[in-house]
Amino acid sequence: MADLKYYDVILAPIVTEKTMNSMSEKKYTFSVHPDATKTQVKEAVEKMFAGTKVAKVNTMNVAGKTRRRGATTGKTAKRKKAIVQLTADSAEIEIFSGL
């Protein structure tokens, strides 16, 4: 397991129509480092966004898709994403407020 700092864990927010609808339930989706654990994701969210308290974290590994270019086949990179559920008294995450 890699020695990850909290600022290395969260790579980017995932903004889709489905994730925007789940934000009303205080669920936020992030692309995270493939070696990150649930506890590391929880720690990173609480440190990076002031006033947030994480209730639970769901993580999933997303396999790379097979792509073709002519006769050559290959795969896209695999990735990991995390859905973070905040507590009811937690502050909102500000990066999503203007969307």
Protein backbone atom coordinates (compact mmCIF):
# COMPACT_ATOMS: atom_id res chain seq x y z
CA MET A 1 0.00 0.00 0.00
CA ALA A 2 1.31 3.41 -0.92
CA ASP A 3 2.01 6.09 1.68
CA LEU A 4 -0.63 8.61 0.60
CA LYS A 5 -1.07 12.07 2.08
CA TYR A 6 -4.61 13.42 2.36
CA TYR A 7 -4.10 15.82 -0.55
CA ASP A 8 -3.08 12.92 -2.84
CA VAL A 9 -6.22 10.86 -2.18
CA ILE A 10 -8.93 12.93 -3.90
CA LEU A 11 -8.11 13.47 -7.58
CA ALA A 12 -11.22 15.22 -8.93
CA PRO A 13 -14.97 15.58 -8.35
CA ILE A 14 -17.25 13.62 -10.67
CA VAL A 15 -19.99 15.89 -12.00
CA THR A 16 -22.77 14.11 -13.86
CA GLU A 17 -26.53 14.40 -13.85
CA LYS A 18 -26.82 11.44 -11.49
CA THR A 19 -24.27 12.79 -9.01
CA MET A 20 -25.86 16.24 -9.06
CA ASN A 21 -29.22 14.70 -8.09
CA SER A 22 -27.64 12.78 -5.20
CA MET A 23 -26.17 16.00 -3.78
CA SER A 24 -29.60 16.84 -2.32
CA GLU A 25 -29.05 13.84 -0.01
CA LYS A 26 -25.53 15.14 0.86
CA LYS A 27 -23.81 12.49 -1.25
CA TYR A 28 -20.75 13.63 -3.19
CA THR A 29 -18.80 11.60 -5.75
CA PHE A 30 -15.04 11.88 -6.23
CA SER A 31 -12.41 10.21 -8.35
CA VAL A 32 -9.83 8.90 -5.87
CA HIS A 33 -6.37 7.33 -5.96
CA PRO A 34 -6.59 3.59 -6.81
CA ASP A 35 -4.71 2.62 -3.63
CA ALA A 36 -6.82 4.79 -1.28
CA THR A 37 -8.87 3.11 1.44
CA LYS A 38 -12.23 4.24 2.84
CA THR A 39 -10.63 5.65 5.97
CA GLN A 40 -8.13 7.64 3.90
CA VAL A 41 -10.96 9.06 1.77
CA LYS A 42 -12.90 10.04 4.90
CA GLU A 43 -9.84 11.74 6.40
CA ALA A 44 -9.10 13.58 3.14
CA VAL A 45 -12.63 14.97 2.77
CA GLU A 46 -12.75 16.16 6.38
CA LYS A 47 -9.35 17.87 6.10
CA MET A 48 -9.80 19.42 2.64
CA PHE A 49 -13.31 20.80 3.17
CA ALA A 50 -13.73 22.67 6.46
CA GLY A 51 -16.84 21.91 8.50
CA THR A 52 -17.63 18.58 6.86
CA LYS A 53 -18.28 15.38 8.78
CA VAL A 54 -18.39 12.12 6.85
CA ALA A 55 -21.01 9.55 7.82
CA LYS A 56 -19.92 6.80 5.42
CA VAL A 57 -17.87 6.15 2.31
CA ASN A 58 -18.62 3.73 -0.53
CA THR A 59 -15.80 2.95 -2.94
CA MET A 60 -15.80 1.09 -6.23
CA ASN A 61 -13.15 0.02 -8.68
CA VAL A 62 -14.06 0.84 -12.27
CA ALA A 63 -12.42 -1.43 -14.82
CA GLY A 64 -10.96 0.00 -18.00
CA LYS A 65 -13.02 -0.27 -21.17
CA THR A 66 -11.80 -2.09 -24.25
CA ARG A 67 -11.25 0.29 -27.16
CA ARG A 68 -10.35 -0.35 -30.78
CA ARG A 69 -8.55 1.64 -33.39
CA GLY A 70 -8.63 -0.39 -36.56
CA ALA A 71 -7.27 -3.87 -35.90
CA THR A 72 -5.48 -2.81 -32.71
CA THR A 73 -7.26 -3.23 -29.39
CA GLY A 74 -6.37 -1.77 -26.04
CA LYS A 75 -7.84 -0.83 -22.69
CA THR A 76 -8.41 2.52 -21.03
CA ALA A 77 -6.98 3.08 -17.56
CA LYS A 78 -8.76 1.58 -14.57
CA ARG A 79 -9.85 3.98 -11.86
CA LYS A 80 -11.51 4.17 -8.47
CA LYS A 81 -14.37 6.37 -7.36
CA ALA A 82 -15.85 7.10 -3.97
CA ILE A 83 -19.32 8.22 -2.92
CA VAL A 84 -19.11 10.19 0.33
CA GLN A 85 -22.22 10.56 2.53
CA LEU A 86 -22.07 13.56 4.89
CA THR A 87 -23.89 13.81 8.21
CA ALA A 88 -27.05 15.90 8.53
CA ASP A 89 -25.34 18.65 10.57
CA SER A 90 -22.31 18.81 8.26
CA ALA A 91 -21.47 21.81 6.10
CA GLU A 92 -21.93 21.63 2.34
CA ILE A 93 -18.91 21.13 0.09
CA GLU A 94 -18.30 24.50 -1.56
CA ILE A 95 -16.91 23.35 -4.93
CA PHE A 96 -20.32 22.01 -5.89
CA SER A 97 -22.33 25.07 -4.78
CA GLY A 98 -22.01 27.04 -8.04
CA LEU A 99 -22.98 24.16 -10.32
